[in-house]
PDB file of all heavy atoms in Angstrom:
ATOM      1  N   SER A   1      86.593  80.793  91.410  1.00  0.00           N
ATOM      2  CA  SER A   1      85.874  80.823  92.688  1.00  0.00           C
ATOM      3  C   SER A   1      86.510  81.759  93.709  1.00  0.00           C
ATOM      4  O   SER A   1      85.982  81.916  94.813  1.00  0.00           O
ATOM      5  CB  SER A   1      85.812  79.408  93.282  1.00  0.00           C
ATOM      6  OG  SER A   1      87.121  78.909  93.512  1.00  0.00           O
ATOM      7  N   THR A   2      87.631  82.391  93.346  1.00  0.00           N
ATOM      8  CA  THR A   2      88.343  83.266  94.277  1.00  0.00           C
ATOM      9  C   THR A   2      87.926  84.715  94.079  1.00  0.00           C
ATOM     10  O   THR A   2      88.035  85.244  92.968  1.00  0.00           O
ATOM     11  CB  THR A   2      89.868  83.152  94.078  1.00  0.00           C
ATOM     12  OG1 THR A   2      90.271  81.801  94.301  1.00  0.00           O
ATOM     13  CG2 THR A   2      90.610  84.069  95.049  1.00  0.00           C
ATOM     14  N   LEU A   3      87.439  85.342  95.135  1.00  0.00           N
ATOM     15  CA  LEU A   3      87.096  86.752  95.105  1.00  0.00           C
ATOM     16  C   LEU A   3      88.346  87.534  95.481  1.00  0.00           C
ATOM     17  O   LEU A   3      88.715  87.629  96.655  1.00  0.00           O
ATOM     18  CB  LEU A   3      85.951  87.050  96.074  1.00  0.00           C
ATOM     19  CG  LEU A   3      85.457  88.501  96.131  1.00  0.00           C
ATOM     20  CD1 LEU A   3      84.948  88.965  94.762  1.00  0.00           C
ATOM     21  CD2 LEU A   3      84.376  88.649  97.193  1.00  0.00           C
ATOM     22  N   ALA A   4      89.029  88.094  94.477  1.00  0.00           N
ATOM     23  CA  ALA A   4      90.294  88.795  94.708  1.00  0.00           C
ATOM     24  C   ALA A   4      90.077  90.214  95.216  1.00  0.00           C
ATOM     25  O   ALA A   4      90.795  90.675  96.104  1.00  0.00           O
ATOM     26  CB  ALA A   4      91.123  88.817  93.426  1.00  0.00           C
ATOM     27  N   LEU A   5      89.105  90.929  94.632  1.00  0.00           N
ATOM     28  CA  LEU A   5      88.768  92.286  95.057  1.00  0.00           C
ATOM     29  C   LEU A   5      87.272  92.356  95.313  1.00  0.00           C
ATOM     30  O   LEU A   5      86.473  91.956  94.459  1.00  0.00           O
ATOM     31  CB  LEU A   5      89.167  93.312  93.990  1.00  0.00           C
ATOM     32  CG  LEU A   5      90.650  93.374  93.612  1.00  0.00           C
ATOM     33  CD1 LEU A   5      90.873  94.411  92.512  1.00  0.00           C
ATOM     34  CD2 LEU A   5      91.516  93.669  94.818  1.00  0.00           C
ATOM     35  N   ASP A   6      86.910  92.879  96.465  1.00  0.00           N
ATOM     36  CA  ASP A   6      85.519  92.872  96.904  1.00  0.00           C
ATOM     37  C   ASP A   6      85.054  94.307  97.147  1.00  0.00           C
ATOM     38  O   ASP A   6      85.179  94.836  98.244  1.00  0.00           O
ATOM     39  CB  ASP A   6      85.403  92.032  98.178  1.00  0.00           C
ATOM     40  CG  ASP A   6      83.967  91.874  98.656  1.00  0.00           C
ATOM     41  OD1 ASP A   6      83.042  92.288  97.929  1.00  0.00           O
ATOM     42  OD2 ASP A   6      83.779  91.335  99.762  1.00  0.00           O
ATOM     43  N   ASP A   7      84.564  94.960  96.070  1.00  0.00           N
ATOM     44  CA  ASP A   7      84.055  96.328  96.176  1.00  0.00           C
ATOM     45  C   ASP A   7      85.127  97.261  96.733  1.00  0.00           C
ATOM     46  O   ASP A   7      84.864  98.104  97.593  1.00  0.00           O
ATOM     47  CB  ASP A   7      82.806  96.348  97.056  1.00  0.00           C
ATOM     48  CG  ASP A   7      81.974  97.618  96.848  1.00  0.00           C
ATOM     49  OD1 ASP A   7      81.875  98.074  95.696  1.00  0.00           O
ATOM     50  OD2 ASP A   7      81.451  98.150  97.842  1.00  0.00           O
ATOM     51  N   LEU A   8      86.344  97.136  96.215  1.00  0.00           N
ATOM     52  CA  LEU A   8      87.490  97.907  96.708  1.00  0.00           C
ATOM     53  C   LEU A   8      87.342  99.374  96.335  1.00  0.00           C
ATOM     54  O   LEU A   8      87.089  99.708  95.175  1.00  0.00           O
ATOM     55  CB  LEU A   8      88.776  97.349  96.104  1.00  0.00           C
ATOM     56  CG  LEU A   8      90.088  97.916  96.638  1.00  0.00           C
ATOM     57  CD1 LEU A   8      90.330  97.439  98.062  1.00  0.00           C
ATOM     58  CD2 LEU A   8      91.255  97.496  95.740  1.00  0.00           C
ATOM     59  N   ALA A   9      87.535 100.267  97.312  1.00  0.00           N
ATOM     60  CA  ALA A   9      87.370 101.701  97.055  1.00  0.00           C
ATOM     61  C   ALA A   9      88.303 102.518  97.946  1.00  0.00           C
ATOM     62  O   ALA A   9      88.295 102.359  99.164  1.00  0.00           O
ATOM     63  CB  ALA A   9      85.923 102.125  97.293  1.00  0.00           C
ATOM     64  N   PHE A  10      89.124 103.377  97.313  1.00  0.00           N
ATOM     65  CA  PHE A  10      89.938 104.354  98.021  1.00  0.00           C
ATOM     66  C   PHE A  10      90.487 105.334  96.983  1.00  0.00           C
ATOM     67  O   PHE A  10      90.357 105.121  95.772  1.00  0.00           O
ATOM     68  CB  PHE A  10      91.081 103.710  98.819  1.00  0.00           C
ATOM     69  CG  PHE A  10      92.085 102.954  97.988  1.00  0.00           C
ATOM     70  CD1 PHE A  10      93.231 103.567  97.496  1.00  0.00           C
ATOM     71  CD2 PHE A  10      91.901 101.604  97.713  1.00  0.00           C
ATOM     72  CE1 PHE A  10      94.164 102.879  96.752  1.00  0.00           C
ATOM     73  CE2 PHE A  10      92.824 100.901  96.961  1.00  0.00           C
ATOM     74  CZ  PHE A  10      93.959 101.540  96.475  1.00  0.00           C
ATOM     75  N   GLU A  11      91.104 106.421  97.453  1.00  0.00           N
ATOM     76  CA  GLU A  11      91.672 107.433  96.559  1.00  0.00           C
ATOM     77  C   GLU A  11      93.115 107.712  96.941  1.00  0.00           C
ATOM     78  O   GLU A  11      93.476 107.683  98.123  1.00  0.00           O
ATOM     79  CB  GLU A  11      90.872 108.737  96.621  1.00  0.00           C
ATOM     80  CG  GLU A  11      89.472 108.633  96.046  1.00  0.00           C
ATOM     81  CD  GLU A  11      88.781 109.983  95.977  1.00  0.00           C
ATOM     82  OE1 GLU A  11      89.408 111.005  96.375  1.00  0.00           O
ATOM     83  OE2 GLU A  11      87.627 110.032  95.523  1.00  0.00           O
ATOM     84  N   VAL A  12      93.930 107.984  95.919  1.00  0.00           N
ATOM     85  CA  VAL A  12      95.332 108.354  96.108  1.00  0.00           C
ATOM     86  C   VAL A  12      95.503 109.788  95.614  1.00  0.00           C
ATOM     87  O   VAL A  12      95.352 110.052  94.419  1.00  0.00           O
ATOM     88  CB  VAL A  12      96.271 107.419  95.327  1.00  0.00           C
ATOM     89  CG1 VAL A  12      97.730 107.837  95.546  1.00  0.00           C
ATOM     90  CG2 VAL A  12      96.046 105.956  95.731  1.00  0.00           C
ATOM     91  N   PRO A  13      95.829 110.741  96.484  1.00  0.00           N
ATOM     92  CA  PRO A  13      96.030 112.131  96.036  1.00  0.00           C
ATOM     93  C   PRO A  13      97.252 112.251  95.127  1.00  0.00           C
ATOM     94  O   PRO A  13      98.239 111.529  95.296  1.00  0.00           O
ATOM     95  CB  PRO A  13      96.244 112.900  97.351  1.00  0.00           C
ATOM     96  CG  PRO A  13      95.672 112.024  98.413  1.00  0.00           C
ATOM     97  CD  PRO A  13      95.905 110.617  97.945  1.00  0.00           C
ATOM     98  N   ARG A  14      97.164 113.153  94.178  1.00  0.00           N
ATOM     99  CA  ARG A  14      98.285 113.397  93.270  1.00  0.00           C
ATOM    100  C   ARG A  14      99.500 113.911  94.045  1.00  0.00           C
ATOM    101  O   ARG A  14      99.381 114.661  95.001  1.00  0.00           O
ATOM    102  CB  ARG A  14      97.897 114.424  92.211  1.00  0.00           C
ATOM    103  CG  ARG A  14      99.005 114.709  91.194  1.00  0.00           C
ATOM    104  CD  ARG A  14      98.615 115.816  90.237  1.00  0.00           C
ATOM    105  NE  ARG A  14      99.699 116.113  89.303  1.00  0.00           N
ATOM    106  CZ  ARG A  14      99.861 115.515  88.124  1.00  0.00           C
ATOM    107  NH1 ARG A  14      98.987 114.612  87.724  1.00  0.00           N
ATOM    108  NH2 ARG A  14     100.888 115.832  87.352  1.00  0.00           N
ATOM    109  N   GLY A  15     100.689 113.486  93.611  1.00  0.00           N
ATOM    110  CA  GLY A  15     101.924 113.991  94.185  1.00  0.00           C
ATOM    111  C   GLY A  15     102.220 113.489  95.582  1.00  0.00           C
ATOM    112  O   GLY A  15     102.948 114.130  96.326  1.00  0.00           O
ATOM    113  N   GLN A  16     101.672 112.322  95.936  1.00  0.00           N
ATOM    114  CA  GLN A  16     101.947 111.733  97.240  1.00  0.00           C
ATOM    115  C   GLN A  16     102.640 110.384  97.083  1.00  0.00           C
ATOM    116  O   GLN A  16     102.562 109.734  96.047  1.00  0.00           O
ATOM    117  CB  GLN A  16     100.660 111.538  98.043  1.00  0.00           C
ATOM    118  CG  GLN A  16     100.138 112.781  98.699  1.00  0.00           C
ATOM    119  CD  GLN A  16      99.147 112.471  99.822  1.00  0.00           C
ATOM    120  OE1 GLN A  16      98.902 111.309 100.166  1.00  0.00           O
ATOM    121  NE2 GLN A  16      98.577 113.511 100.401  1.00  0.00           N
ATOM    122  N   ILE A  17     103.321 109.980  98.155  1.00  0.00           N
ATOM    123  CA  ILE A  17     103.812 108.611  98.286  1.00  0.00           C
ATOM    124  C   ILE A  17     102.768 107.862  99.099  1.00  0.00           C
ATOM    125  O   ILE A  17     102.494 108.208 100.258  1.00  0.00           O
ATOM    126  CB  ILE A  17     105.176 108.566  98.975  1.00  0.00           C
ATOM    127  CG1 ILE A  17     106.207 109.354  98.160  1.00  0.00           C
ATOM    128  CG2 ILE A  17     105.645 107.119  99.143  1.00  0.00           C
ATOM    129  CD1 ILE A  17     107.569 109.475  98.836  1.00  0.00           C
ATOM    130  N   PHE A  18     102.171 106.867  98.487  1.00  0.00           N
ATOM    131  CA  PHE A  18     101.002 106.184  99.061  1.00  0.00           C
ATOM    132  C   PHE A  18     101.342 104.719  99.303  1.00  0.00           C
ATOM    133  O   PHE A  18     101.794 104.015  98.398  1.00  0.00           O
ATOM    134  CB  PHE A  18      99.822 106.297  98.097  1.00  0.00           C
ATOM    135  CG  PHE A  18      98.516 105.785  98.630  1.00  0.00           C
ATOM    136  CD1 PHE A  18      97.639 106.636  99.293  1.00  0.00           C
ATOM    137  CD2 PHE A  18      98.154 104.460  98.466  1.00  0.00           C
ATOM    138  CE1 PHE A  18      96.425 106.171  99.782  1.00  0.00           C
ATOM    139  CE2 PHE A  18      96.940 103.978  98.940  1.00  0.00           C
ATOM    140  CZ  PHE A  18      96.072 104.843  99.603  1.00  0.00           C
ATOM    141  N   GLY A  19     101.123 104.249 100.523  1.00  0.00           N
ATOM    142  CA  GLY A  19     101.362 102.853 100.862  1.00  0.00           C
ATOM    143  C   GLY A  19     100.118 102.019 100.650  1.00  0.00           C
ATOM    144  O   GLY A  19      99.038 102.358 101.138  1.00  0.00           O
ATOM    145  N   PHE A  20     100.274 100.936  99.911  1.00  0.00           N
ATOM    146  CA  PHE A  20      99.172 100.011  99.628  1.00  0.00           C
ATOM    147  C   PHE A  20      99.544  98.695 100.283  1.00  0.00           C
ATOM    148  O   PHE A  20     100.341  97.920  99.755  1.00  0.00           O
ATOM    149  CB  PHE A  20      99.029  99.873  98.109  1.00  0.00           C
ATOM    150  CG  PHE A  20      97.794  99.153  97.652  1.00  0.00           C
ATOM    151  CD1 PHE A  20      96.599  99.264  98.335  1.00  0.00           C
ATOM    152  CD2 PHE A  20      97.825  98.372  96.509  1.00  0.00           C
ATOM    153  CE1 PHE A  20      95.464  98.606  97.901  1.00  0.00           C
ATOM    154  CE2 PHE A  20      96.701  97.707  96.054  1.00  0.00           C
ATOM    155  CZ  PHE A  20      95.519  97.828  96.755  1.00  0.00           C
ATOM    156  N   LEU A  21      98.995  98.444 101.476  1.00  0.00           N
ATOM    157  CA  LEU A  21      99.487  97.390 102.345  1.00  0.00           C
ATOM    158  C   LEU A  21      98.472  96.271 102.501  1.00  0.00           C
ATOM    159  O   LEU A  21      97.268  96.514 102.571  1.00  0.00           O
ATOM    160  CB  LEU A  21      99.819  97.971 103.720  1.00  0.00           C
ATOM    161  CG  LEU A  21     100.704  99.225 103.730  1.00  0.00           C
ATOM    162  CD1 LEU A  21     100.950  99.682 105.156  1.00  0.00           C
ATOM    163  CD2 LEU A  21     102.015  98.988 102.998  1.00  0.00           C
ATOM    164  N   GLY A  22      98.988  95.060 102.577  1.00  0.00           N
ATOM    165  CA  GLY A  22      98.151  93.897 102.797  1.00  0.00           C
ATOM    166  C   GLY A  22      99.009  92.654 102.764  1.00  0.00           C
ATOM    167  O   GLY A  22     100.115  92.659 102.201  1.00  0.00           O
ATOM    168  N   ALA A  23      98.527  91.585 103.370  1.00  0.00           N
ATOM    169  CA  ALA A  23      99.248  90.317 103.320  1.00  0.00           C
ATOM    170  C   ALA A  23      99.252  89.781 101.895  1.00  0.00           C
ATOM    171  O   ALA A  23      98.503  90.248 101.031  1.00  0.00           O
ATOM    172  CB  ALA A  23      98.593  89.305 104.269  1.00  0.00           C
ATOM    173  N   ASN A  24     100.111  88.796 101.621  1.00  0.00           N
ATOM    174  CA  ASN A  24     100.103  88.163 100.307  1.00  0.00           C
ATOM    175  C   ASN A  24      98.710  87.624 100.008  1.00  0.00           C
ATOM    176  O   ASN A  24      98.081  86.991 100.855  1.00  0.00           O
ATOM    177  CB  ASN A  24     101.110  87.015 100.254  1.00  0.00           C
ATOM    178  CG  ASN A  24     102.542  87.490 100.270  1.00  0.00           C
ATOM    179  OD1 ASN A  24     102.808  88.640  99.928  1.00  0.00           O
ATOM    180  ND2 ASN A  24     103.452  86.627 100.681  1.00  0.00           N
ATOM    181  N   GLY A  25      98.244  87.870  98.790  1.00  0.00           N
ATOM    182  CA  GLY A  25      96.922  87.389  98.417  1.00  0.00           C
ATOM    183  C   GLY A  25      95.797  88.339  98.752  1.00  0.00           C
ATOM    184  O   GLY A  25      94.632  88.035  98.497  1.00  0.00           O
ATOM    185  N   ALA A  26      96.113  89.517  99.319  1.00  0.00           N
ATOM    186  CA  ALA A  26      95.054  90.440  99.721  1.00  0.00           C
ATOM    187  C   ALA A  26      94.423  91.162  98.542  1.00  0.00           C
ATOM    188  O   ALA A  26      93.330  91.706  98.661  1.00  0.00           O
ATOM    189  CB  ALA A  26      95.603  91.465 100.716  1.00  0.00           C
ATOM    190  N   GLY A  27      95.125  91.204  97.384  1.00  0.00           N
ATOM    191  CA  GLY A  27      94.564  91.845  96.199  1.00  0.00           C
ATOM    192  C   GLY A  27      95.374  93.010  95.668  1.00  0.00           C
ATOM    193  O   GLY A  27      94.937  93.700  94.747  1.00  0.00           O
ATOM    194  N   LYS A  28      96.563  93.230  96.206  1.00  0.00           N
ATOM    195  CA  LYS A  28      97.367  94.391  95.806  1.00  0.00           C
ATOM    196  C   LYS A  28      97.809  94.292  94.345  1.00  0.00           C
ATOM    197  O   LYS A  28      97.661  95.245  93.579  1.00  0.00           O
ATOM    198  CB  LYS A  28      98.586  94.510  96.715  1.00  0.00           C
ATOM    199  CG  LYS A  28      98.271  94.585  98.194  1.00  0.00           C
ATOM    200  CD  LYS A  28      99.498  94.770  99.036  1.00  0.00           C
ATOM    201  CE  LYS A  28     100.519  93.649  98.903  1.00  0.00           C
ATOM    202  NZ  LYS A  28     100.002  92.342  99.373  1.00  0.00           N
ATOM    203  N   THR A  29      98.379  93.156  93.964  1.00  0.00           N
ATOM    204  CA  THR A  29      98.864  92.991  92.591  1.00  0.00           C
ATOM    205  C   THR A  29      97.708  93.038  91.601  1.00  0.00           C
ATOM    206  O   THR A  29      97.820  93.636  90.520  1.00  0.00           O
ATOM    207  CB  THR A  29      99.627  91.669  92.455  1.00  0.00           C
ATOM    208  OG1 THR A  29     100.760  91.701  93.328  1.00  0.00           O
ATOM    209  CG2 THR A  29     100.113  91.444  91.031  1.00  0.00           C
ATOM    210  N   THR A  30      96.594  92.439  91.955  1.00  0.00           N
ATOM    211  CA  THR A  30      95.419  92.477  91.091  1.00  0.00           C
ATOM    212  C   THR A  30      94.987  93.916  90.832  1.00  0.00           C
ATOM    213  O   THR A  30      94.695  94.303  89.695  1.00  0.00           O
ATOM    214  CB  THR A  30      94.264  91.687  91.729  1.00  0.00           C
ATOM    215  OG1 THR A  30      94.654  90.330  91.896  1.00  0.00           O
ATOM    216  CG2 THR A  30      93.017  91.741  90.862  1.00  0.00           C
ATOM    217  N   THR A  31      94.960  94.730  91.879  1.00  0.00           N
ATOM    218  CA  THR A  31      94.563  96.139  91.729  1.00  0.00           C
ATOM    219  C   THR A  31      95.508  96.876  90.795  1.00  0.00           C
ATOM    220  O   THR A  31      95.072  97.628  89.908  1.00  0.00           O
ATOM    221  CB  THR A  31      94.540  96.829  93.104  1.00  0.00           C
ATOM    222  OG1 THR A  31      93.681  96.107  93.986  1.00  0.00           O
ATOM    223  CG2 THR A  31      94.050  98.261  92.981  1.00  0.00           C
ATOM    224  N   MET A  32      96.809  96.673  90.982  1.00  0.00           N
ATOM    225  CA  MET A  32      97.783  97.343  90.128  1.00  0.00           C
ATOM    226  C   MET A  32      97.609  96.935  88.669  1.00  0.00           C
ATOM    227  O   MET A  32      97.691  97.762  87.756  1.00  0.00           O
ATOM    228  CB  MET A  32      99.202  97.036  90.606  1.00  0.00           C
ATOM    229  CG  MET A  32      99.559  97.689  91.930  1.00  0.00           C
ATOM    230  SD  MET A  32     101.287  97.377  92.391  1.00  0.00           S
ATOM    231  CE  MET A  32     101.376  98.241  93.968  1.00  0.00           C
ATOM    232  N   ARG A  33      97.362  95.678  88.424  1.00  0.00           N
ATOM    233  CA  ARG A  33      97.232  95.202  87.044  1.00  0.00           C
ATOM    234  C   ARG A  33      95.939  95.679  86.396  1.00  0.00           C
ATOM    235  O   ARG A  33      95.889  95.851  85.182  1.00  0.00           O
ATOM    236  CB  ARG A  33      97.351  93.677  87.016  1.00  0.00           C
ATOM    237  CG  ARG A  33      98.769  93.212  87.329  1.00  0.00           C
ATOM    238  CD  ARG A  33      98.901  91.717  87.377  1.00  0.00           C
ATOM    239  NE  ARG A  33     100.308  91.339  87.519  1.00  0.00           N
ATOM    240  CZ  ARG A  33     100.728  90.088  87.664  1.00  0.00           C
ATOM    241  NH1 ARG A  33      99.847  89.088  87.676  1.00  0.00           N
ATOM    242  NH2 ARG A  33     102.018  89.824  87.781  1.00  0.00           N
ATOM    243  N   ILE A  34      94.915  95.915  87.189  1.00  0.00           N
ATOM    244  CA  ILE A  34      93.708  96.528  86.632  1.00  0.00           C
ATOM    245  C   ILE A  34      93.988  97.989  86.278  1.00  0.00           C
ATOM    246  O   ILE A  34      93.543  98.483  85.240  1.00  0.00           O
ATOM    247  CB  ILE A  34      92.525  96.384  87.608  1.00  0.00           C
ATOM    248  CG1 ILE A  34      92.123  94.910  87.750  1.00  0.00           C
ATOM    249  CG2 ILE A  34      91.324  97.195  87.121  1.00  0.00           C
ATOM    250  CD1 ILE A  34      91.056  94.654  88.798  1.00  0.00           C
ATOM    251  N   CYS A  35      94.745  98.688  87.126  1.00  0.00           N
ATOM    252  CA  CYS A  35      95.148 100.058  86.793  1.00  0.00           C
ATOM    253  C   CYS A  35      95.841 100.100  85.435  1.00  0.00           C
ATOM    254  O   CYS A  35      95.598 100.996  84.616  1.00  0.00           O
ATOM    255  CB  CYS A  35      96.108 100.601  87.852  1.00  0.00           C
ATOM    256  SG  CYS A  35      95.372 101.057  89.430  1.00  0.00           S
ATOM    257  N   LEU A  36      96.701  99.132  85.183  1.00  0.00           N
ATOM    258  CA  LEU A  36      97.508  99.117  83.971  1.00  0.00           C
ATOM    259  C   LEU A  36      96.757  98.609  82.751  1.00  0.00           C
ATOM    260  O   LEU A  36      97.263  98.692  81.626  1.00  0.00           O
ATOM    261  CB  LEU A  36      98.747  98.243  84.195  1.00  0.00           C
ATOM    262  CG  LEU A  36      99.718  98.743  85.265  1.00  0.00           C
ATOM    263  CD1 LEU A  36     100.698  97.640  85.642  1.00  0.00           C
ATOM    264  CD2 LEU A  36     100.469  99.968  84.775  1.00  0.00           C
ATOM    265  N   GLY A  37      95.573  98.050  82.964  1.00  0.00           N
ATOM    266  CA  GLY A  37      94.824  97.496  81.846  1.00  0.00           C
ATOM    267  C   GLY A  37      95.220  96.084  81.489  1.00  0.00           C
ATOM    268  O   GLY A  37      94.744  95.525  80.495  1.00  0.00           O
ATOM    269  N   ILE A  38      96.079  95.464  82.285  1.00  0.00           N
ATOM    270  CA  ILE A  38      96.450  94.068  82.063  1.00  0.00           C
ATOM    271  C   ILE A  38      95.271  93.156  82.368  1.00  0.00           C
ATOM    272  O   ILE A  38      95.053  92.142  81.696  1.00  0.00           O
ATOM    273  CB  ILE A  38      97.666  93.696  82.936  1.00  0.00           C
ATOM    274  CG1 ILE A  38      98.881  94.522  82.516  1.00  0.00           C
ATOM    275  CG2 ILE A  38      97.986  92.217  82.847  1.00  0.00           C
ATOM    276  CD1 ILE A  38     100.036  94.454  83.485  1.00  0.00           C
ATOM    277  N   LEU A  39      94.518  93.520  83.388  1.00  0.00           N
ATOM    278  CA  LEU A  39      93.298  92.813  83.758  1.00  0.00           C
ATOM    279  C   LEU A  39      92.115  93.760  83.670  1.00  0.00           C
ATOM    280  O   LEU A  39      92.277  94.976  83.762  1.00  0.00           O
ATOM    281  CB  LEU A  39      93.406  92.274  85.189  1.00  0.00           C
ATOM    282  CG  LEU A  39      94.478  91.218  85.470  1.00  0.00           C
ATOM    283  CD1 LEU A  39      94.551  90.942  86.959  1.00  0.00           C
ATOM    284  CD2 LEU A  39      94.179  89.940  84.702  1.00  0.00           C
ATOM    285  N   GLN A  40      90.932  93.203  83.509  1.00  0.00           N
ATOM    286  CA  GLN A  40      89.700  93.972  83.503  1.00  0.00           C
ATOM    287  C   GLN A  40      88.910  93.678  84.773  1.00  0.00           C
ATOM    288  O   GLN A  40      88.784  92.524  85.176  1.00  0.00           O
ATOM    289  CB  GLN A  40      88.853  93.618  82.276  1.00  0.00           C
ATOM    290  CG  GLN A  40      89.519  93.974  80.956  1.00  0.00           C
ATOM    291  CD  GLN A  40      89.749  95.466  80.805  1.00  0.00           C
ATOM    292  OE1 GLN A  40      88.869  96.267  81.110  1.00  0.00           O
ATOM    293  NE2 GLN A  40      90.935  95.833  80.327  1.00  0.00           N
TER     294      GLN A  40
END
């Protein structure tokens, strides 16, 4: 019943240091794990 990511959209340019900021539970770890293929 928990909506972890809600139509999340942004871009990270190559060769940059990019800050991905949010309070605990905002969806940061979920996004990273989808990048890695751990989650779908």
